[in-house]
Amino acid sequence: MSKEKPKVAFYWCASCGGCEEAVVDLAEEVLKVIELVDIVFWPVAVDTKREDIEKMADGEIFASFINGAIRLSEQEDMVKLLRRKSKFIIAYGSCSYMGGIPALANMWNRETIFNWVYSESPTVMNPDKTTPKTKIEVKEGELELPLFYNTVRTLDQVIEVDYYVPGCPPTPQVTKNALLALLSDELPPKGSVIGALSKSVCEECPLNETKPDKVLIDSFKRLAVTKIDPEKCLLLQGIPCLGPVTRGGCGALCPNGKMPCTGCFGPLDGVLDYGGKAISFLASILDVPPEEDAVLKAIENLPDPVGLVYKYSLARSLLRGRIIKKGGGSE
């Protein structure tokens, strides 16, 4: 009698769907994965329902790969169920691991977001200023929507997470590495990042050999209006590339495409706040007088500092977001 294969689940919270595509991008390797595990829950690809998971014994699922941040009450409820039913929970991708791009909404709150989306946006026609309600009575009965939370949270701010797989999305190789690591007899300590590397993106980047030991520039430039030398380190050209402070394992895909690293693989080991580390690094390469006017001129081409250094990690940061006063003002 053949040995029962480990049960694996995939679930999608607040994200774009790219992490689901990342699993599909394993291509023929998916067949090898299926030989090793039994996928018992994957709403976008497998016809199983919540009730099927509820009927399972606690801990029956070997590993659940959960992508996306927690924005809705339904997502919180579902990940808590998967936590009970799973031996391992893996925060899969940047949104689950650090909050991701959805967590940039933590610069606002539910009230200001709803005001813009359903009332103030110039393309919206909503004279009654109708907004989503969690419950409403209609002639057919009661309709219910999940509660839209005031802030976006990372997966480990809601449930205990065993391992993290970074990336927006994780590459097929990182996904495969993570699966093989879980199925091995030598798992790293809980809380570890798996599938990726412990060195920076720069160490994978082909342009790294053009970068001196000390990079110094007099200003930052915007990529869209700068002619790039494809054979020269982007930092030397004033483009804010976050490769030096970002975990490697992606194969330096963005720099290979002559685009700056934006930090989707998150911090290196031992870094408490990715955005703080990124700010510190960018400040260290600016060679300008300390006067305020000189500094402001050097950074005038960074119109969205939060979006630059916390693009994927605001929910996981020490700041978590911005405090919004009642009525929409900020502190």
Protein backbone atom coordinates (compact mmCIF):
# COMPACT_ATOMS: atom_id res chain seq x y z
CA MET A 1 0.00 0.00 0.00
CA SER A 2 1.46 3.34 -1.07
CA LYS A 3 2.27 5.96 1.53
CA GLU A 4 -0.26 8.82 1.71
CA LYS A 5 1.10 12.01 0.22
CA PRO A 6 1.30 15.17 2.36
CA LYS A 7 -1.76 17.39 1.96
CA VAL A 8 -1.11 20.95 0.78
CA ALA A 9 -3.44 23.95 0.55
CA PHE A 10 -3.19 27.30 -1.22
CA TYR A 11 -5.30 30.33 -0.31
CA TRP A 12 -5.54 33.88 -1.66
CA CYS A 13 -6.25 36.91 0.58
CA ALA A 14 -5.71 40.61 -0.31
CA SER A 15 -3.39 40.46 -3.31
CA CYS A 16 -3.36 40.83 -7.07
CA GLY A 17 -3.35 37.14 -7.94
CA GLY A 18 0.25 37.10 -9.07
CA CYS A 19 1.19 34.54 -6.43
CA GLU A 20 -1.42 32.16 -7.85
CA GLU A 21 0.18 32.67 -11.25
CA ALA A 22 3.59 31.97 -9.71
CA VAL A 23 2.47 28.48 -8.77
CA VAL A 24 1.10 27.92 -12.27
CA ASP A 25 4.40 29.24 -13.66
CA LEU A 26 6.07 26.12 -12.34
CA ALA A 27 4.85 24.76 -15.70
CA GLU A 28 5.85 21.10 -16.07
CA GLU A 29 7.36 21.24 -12.59
CA VAL A 30 3.76 21.36 -11.29
CA LEU A 31 3.44 17.73 -12.34
CA LYS A 32 6.44 16.86 -10.20
CA VAL A 33 4.90 18.76 -7.29
CA ILE A 34 1.66 16.81 -7.70
CA GLU A 35 3.66 13.60 -7.52
CA LEU A 36 4.98 14.69 -4.13
CA VAL A 37 1.89 16.27 -2.52
CA ASP A 38 -1.89 16.14 -2.62
CA ILE A 39 -3.38 19.60 -3.24
CA VAL A 40 -6.58 19.50 -1.16
CA PHE A 41 -7.56 23.17 -1.30
CA TRP A 42 -6.85 25.79 -3.95
CA PRO A 43 -9.95 27.88 -4.71
CA VAL A 44 -8.69 29.22 -8.04
CA ALA A 45 -7.86 25.79 -9.44
CA VAL A 46 -9.36 22.94 -7.38
CA ASP A 47 -13.07 22.36 -6.77
CA THR A 48 -13.00 22.07 -2.99
CA LYS A 49 -14.98 24.18 -0.56
CA ARG A 50 -14.56 25.61 2.91
CA GLU A 51 -16.76 22.86 4.32
CA ASP A 52 -14.28 20.27 3.03
CA ILE A 53 -11.56 21.92 5.12
CA GLU A 54 -13.84 22.18 8.16
CA LYS A 55 -14.38 18.41 8.06
CA MET A 56 -10.65 17.71 8.24
CA ALA A 57 -8.92 16.90 11.51
CA ASP A 58 -6.83 19.62 13.10
CA GLY A 59 -3.30 19.45 11.70
CA GLU A 60 -4.32 17.13 8.86
CA ILE A 61 -3.01 19.52 6.18
CA PHE A 62 0.77 19.34 6.01
CA ALA A 63 1.29 22.91 4.77
CA SER A 64 -0.90 25.83 3.74
CA PHE A 65 0.61 28.44 1.45
CA ILE A 66 -1.30 31.67 2.10
CA ASN A 67 -0.70 34.68 -0.12
CA GLY A 68 -2.10 38.17 0.30
CA ALA A 69 -2.48 40.50 3.26
CA ILE A 70 -5.43 40.53 5.65
CA ARG A 71 -7.90 43.27 4.70
CA LEU A 72 -11.33 41.63 5.21
CA SER A 73 -13.00 39.75 8.05
CA GLU A 74 -13.59 36.79 5.72
CA GLN A 75 -9.84 36.51 5.13
CA GLU A 76 -9.09 36.55 8.84
CA ASP A 77 -11.70 33.89 9.47
CA MET A 78 -10.36 31.66 6.70
CA VAL A 79 -6.70 31.86 7.68
CA LYS A 80 -7.59 31.04 11.29
CA LEU A 81 -9.37 27.92 10.02
CA LEU A 82 -6.34 26.95 7.92
CA ARG A 83 -4.08 27.55 10.91
CA ARG A 84 -6.04 24.98 12.93
CA LYS A 85 -6.03 22.46 10.13
CA SER A 86 -2.37 22.83 9.10
CA LYS A 87 0.90 21.61 10.52
CA PHE A 88 2.77 24.44 8.77
CA ILE A 89 1.59 27.86 7.64
CA ILE A 90 3.70 29.57 4.99
CA ALA A 91 3.35 33.29 4.30
CA TYR A 92 3.73 33.09 0.54
CA GLY A 93 4.72 36.29 -1.26
CA SER A 94 5.29 39.91 -0.25
CA CYS A 95 1.69 40.74 0.68
CA SER A 96 1.36 37.88 3.14
CA TYR A 97 4.89 38.33 4.47
CA MET A 98 5.05 42.15 4.77
CA GLY A 99 1.66 43.57 3.77
CA GLY A 100 2.70 44.23 0.20
CA ILE A 101 1.34 46.96 -2.03
CA PRO A 102 -2.18 46.67 -0.50
CA ALA A 103 -0.69 47.87 2.81
CA LEU A 104 0.21 51.25 1.30
CA ALA A 105 -3.47 51.94 1.99
CA ASN A 106 -2.43 52.17 5.66
CA MET A 107 -1.49 55.75 4.85
CA TRP A 108 -5.26 56.28 5.04
CA ASN A 109 -8.14 54.63 6.88
CA ARG A 110 -11.42 53.03 5.85
CA GLU A 111 -13.34 56.31 6.02
CA THR A 112 -10.96 58.24 3.75
CA ILE A 113 -10.67 55.30 1.33
CA PHE A 114 -14.45 54.89 1.06
CA ASN A 115 -14.91 58.66 0.65
CA TRP A 116 -12.54 58.67 -2.30
CA VAL A 117 -13.66 55.46 -3.98
CA TYR A 118 -17.41 56.00 -3.63
CA SER A 119 -17.77 59.77 -3.56
CA GLU A 120 -14.82 62.09 -4.18
CA SER A 121 -13.07 60.46 -7.13
CA PRO A 122 -13.75 62.56 -10.28
CA THR A 123 -14.92 59.51 -12.26
CA VAL A 124 -17.53 58.42 -9.68
CA MET A 125 -21.24 59.23 -10.07
CA ASN A 126 -22.84 58.38 -6.73
CA PRO A 127 -25.25 61.19 -5.72
CA ASP A 128 -26.59 59.19 -2.77
CA LYS A 129 -23.03 58.51 -1.56
CA THR A 130 -23.82 54.82 -1.17
CA THR A 131 -21.06 52.76 0.41
CA PRO A 132 -20.81 49.00 1.05
CA LYS A 133 -22.71 47.71 4.07
CA THR A 134 -21.84 44.52 5.89
CA LYS A 135 -25.53 43.57 6.03
CA ILE A 136 -28.62 44.68 4.14
CA GLU A 137 -32.18 43.39 3.93
CA VAL A 138 -33.66 42.71 0.49
CA LYS A 139 -36.91 40.97 -0.40
CA GLU A 140 -35.07 37.69 -0.92
CA GLY A 141 -33.52 37.86 2.54
CA GLU A 142 -30.38 39.26 4.15
CA LEU A 143 -27.26 39.89 2.10
CA GLU A 144 -23.88 40.08 3.82
CA LEU A 145 -20.45 41.33 2.85
CA PRO A 146 -17.20 40.84 4.78
CA LEU A 147 -16.13 43.69 7.02
CA PHE A 148 -13.53 45.96 5.41
CA TYR A 149 -10.94 46.53 8.13
CA ASN A 150 -9.49 49.93 8.97
CA THR A 151 -5.94 48.76 8.22
CA VAL A 152 -4.14 46.04 6.29
CA ARG A 153 -2.23 43.47 8.35
CA THR A 154 0.42 40.91 7.57
CA LEU A 155 -0.45 37.24 7.98
CA ASP A 156 1.65 36.87 11.13
CA GLN A 157 -0.21 39.77 12.73
CA VAL A 158 -3.32 37.56 12.59
CA ILE A 159 -2.09 33.97 13.01
CA GLU A 160 1.16 32.21 13.84
CA VAL A 161 3.32 31.73 10.75
CA ASP A 162 5.96 29.03 10.48
CA TYR A 163 7.90 30.09 7.38
CA TYR A 164 8.09 32.94 4.86
CA VAL A 165 8.53 32.81 1.09
CA PRO A 166 9.29 36.29 -0.30
CA GLY A 167 8.65 37.86 -3.68
CA CYS A 168 6.10 39.81 -5.69
CA PRO A 169 5.50 37.17 -6.76
CA PRO A 170 7.95 34.44 -5.69
CA THR A 171 9.74 33.08 -8.73
CA PRO A 172 9.05 29.48 -9.80
CA GLN A 173 12.51 28.48 -8.57
CA VAL A 174 11.92 30.06 -5.15
CA THR A 175 8.53 28.30 -4.96
CA LYS A 176 10.10 24.97 -5.84
CA ASN A 177 12.95 25.52 -3.36
CA ALA A 178 10.44 26.28 -0.61
CA LEU A 179 8.39 23.16 -1.30
CA LEU A 180 11.48 20.96 -1.32
CA ALA A 181 12.70 22.55 1.92
CA LEU A 182 9.39 21.77 3.61
CA LEU A 183 9.46 18.18 2.41
CA SER A 184 13.05 17.66 3.55
CA ASP A 185 14.12 16.23 6.89
CA GLU A 186 16.20 19.30 7.73
CA LEU A 187 13.86 22.24 8.13
CA PRO A 188 15.33 25.58 9.23
CA PRO A 189 14.17 27.15 12.51
CA LYS A 190 10.58 28.35 12.55
CA GLY A 191 10.26 31.95 11.46
CA SER A 192 12.88 31.54 8.74
CA VAL A 193 12.64 32.75 5.17
CA ILE A 194 12.79 29.71 2.88
CA GLY A 195 13.35 29.34 -0.84
CA ALA A 196 15.40 32.55 -1.16
CA LEU A 197 18.99 33.52 -0.31
CA SER A 198 20.61 35.17 2.68
CA LYS A 199 22.66 37.51 0.48
CA SER A 200 21.56 40.69 -1.28
CA VAL A 201 20.21 41.15 -4.79
CA CYS A 202 23.43 42.98 -5.69
CA GLU A 203 25.38 39.75 -5.35
CA GLU A 204 23.25 38.24 -8.13
CA CYS A 205 23.27 41.36 -10.30
CA PRO A 206 25.47 41.36 -13.44
CA LEU A 207 26.00 45.12 -13.02
CA ASN A 208 27.50 44.69 -9.56
CA GLU A 209 31.04 44.48 -10.94
CA THR A 210 30.69 48.05 -12.23
CA LYS A 211 29.88 49.36 -8.74
CA PRO A 212 32.75 50.72 -6.63
CA ASP A 213 33.08 49.93 -2.92
CA LYS A 214 31.64 53.33 -2.10
CA VAL A 215 28.83 54.78 -4.22
CA LEU A 216 28.42 58.57 -4.08
CA ILE A 217 25.94 60.62 -6.10
CA ASP A 218 24.81 64.24 -5.98
CA SER A 219 21.10 63.63 -6.65
CA PHE A 220 18.49 61.00 -7.44
CA LYS A 221 16.95 60.75 -10.89
CA ARG A 222 13.61 59.50 -12.15
CA LEU A 223 13.86 56.45 -14.33
CA ALA A 224 11.15 57.60 -16.76
CA VAL A 225 13.10 60.70 -17.82
CA THR A 226 16.65 59.35 -17.60
CA LYS A 227 18.62 57.71 -20.37
CA ILE A 228 20.08 54.56 -18.82
CA ASP A 229 23.49 53.12 -19.58
CA PRO A 230 22.65 49.37 -19.66
CA GLU A 231 26.23 48.43 -18.77
CA LYS A 232 26.52 50.52 -15.61
CA CYS A 233 25.19 50.09 -12.08
CA LEU A 234 21.88 51.95 -11.77
CA LEU A 235 22.88 53.49 -8.44
CA LEU A 236 25.87 55.17 -10.08
CA GLN A 237 23.41 56.74 -12.50
CA GLY A 238 21.30 58.17 -9.68
CA ILE A 239 18.48 55.65 -9.98
CA PRO A 240 17.28 54.58 -6.49
CA CYS A 241 17.86 50.82 -6.67
CA LEU A 242 17.26 48.92 -3.42
CA GLY A 243 19.31 45.87 -4.36
CA PRO A 244 21.94 46.42 -1.63
CA VAL A 245 19.34 46.15 1.17
CA THR A 246 17.06 43.51 -0.37
CA ARG A 247 17.24 39.74 0.02
CA GLY A 248 18.38 37.89 -3.07
CA GLY A 249 17.08 34.74 -4.67
CA CYS A 250 15.12 36.30 -7.52
CA GLY A 251 18.07 36.13 -9.90
CA ALA A 252 18.15 39.96 -10.00
CA LEU A 253 15.28 39.91 -12.49
CA CYS A 254 14.63 43.66 -12.38
CA PRO A 255 18.26 44.84 -12.73
CA ASN A 256 18.67 42.27 -15.50
CA GLY A 257 15.83 44.09 -17.24
CA LYS A 258 17.59 47.44 -16.58
CA MET A 259 15.04 48.33 -13.93
CA PRO A 260 15.86 49.12 -10.28
CA CYS A 261 15.18 46.64 -7.51
CA THR A 262 12.10 47.79 -5.60
CA GLY A 263 12.54 45.49 -2.60
CA CYS A 264 9.89 42.80 -3.05
CA PHE A 265 12.03 40.06 -1.45
CA GLY A 266 12.19 42.08 1.75
CA PRO A 267 14.96 42.60 4.28
CA LEU A 268 18.12 40.67 4.85
CA ASP A 269 18.51 38.69 8.06
CA GLY A 270 18.63 40.81 11.22
CA VAL A 271 16.92 43.90 9.75
CA LEU A 272 13.99 45.03 11.90
CA ASP A 273 12.47 47.63 9.56
CA TYR A 274 13.11 47.33 5.82
CA GLY A 275 12.06 50.90 5.00
CA GLY A 276 14.29 52.32 7.72
CA LYS A 277 17.22 50.36 6.35
CA ALA A 278 16.44 51.55 2.82
CA ILE A 279 16.25 55.20 3.92
CA SER A 280 19.55 54.86 5.75
CA PHE A 281 21.21 53.34 2.69
CA LEU A 282 19.91 55.95 0.24
CA ALA A 283 21.01 58.74 2.58
CA SER A 284 24.49 57.21 2.83
CA ILE A 285 25.18 57.52 -0.90
CA LEU A 286 24.15 61.18 -1.20
CA ASP A 287 27.24 63.38 -1.40
CA VAL A 288 25.75 66.84 -0.87
CA PRO A 289 26.24 69.70 1.61
CA PRO A 290 24.19 69.29 4.81
CA GLU A 291 22.17 72.45 4.20
CA GLU A 292 18.40 71.83 3.87
CA ASP A 293 18.11 73.40 0.41
CA ALA A 294 20.87 71.17 -0.99
CA VAL A 295 19.34 68.03 0.47
CA LEU A 296 15.83 68.89 -0.78
CA LYS A 297 17.15 69.52 -4.27
CA ALA A 298 19.01 66.17 -4.25
CA ILE A 299 15.83 64.26 -3.39
CA GLU A 300 13.29 66.29 -5.35
CA ASN A 301 12.96 63.44 -7.86
CA LEU A 302 11.68 61.11 -5.15
CA PRO A 303 8.05 62.26 -5.12
CA ASP A 304 6.76 59.29 -3.10
CA PRO A 305 9.30 58.32 -0.41
CA VAL A 306 6.86 55.99 1.38
CA GLY A 307 6.00 54.23 -1.86
CA LEU A 308 9.71 53.88 -2.58
CA VAL A 309 11.03 52.43 0.68
CA TYR A 310 7.84 50.81 2.03
CA LYS A 311 6.32 49.62 -1.24
CA TYR A 312 5.97 46.09 0.12
CA SER A 313 6.58 46.38 3.85
CA LEU A 314 4.54 49.19 5.43
CA ALA A 315 2.29 46.87 7.44
CA ARG A 316 5.33 45.07 8.86
CA SER A 317 7.22 48.27 9.65
CA LEU A 318 7.62 49.84 13.08
CA LEU A 319 5.29 52.59 11.85
CA ARG A 320 2.55 50.28 10.46
CA GLY A 321 1.02 53.29 8.69
CA ARG A 322 -0.13 56.85 9.37
CA ILE A 323 -2.43 57.94 12.19
CA ILE A 324 -5.59 59.43 10.73
CA LYS A 325 -7.62 61.87 12.80
CA LYS A 326 -11.39 61.68 12.85
CA GLY A 327 -12.60 63.44 9.73
CA GLY A 328 -9.67 62.42 7.56
CA GLY A 329 -6.78 64.60 8.70
CA SER A 330 -3.39 63.07 9.47
CA GLU A 331 -1.04 63.34 12.41
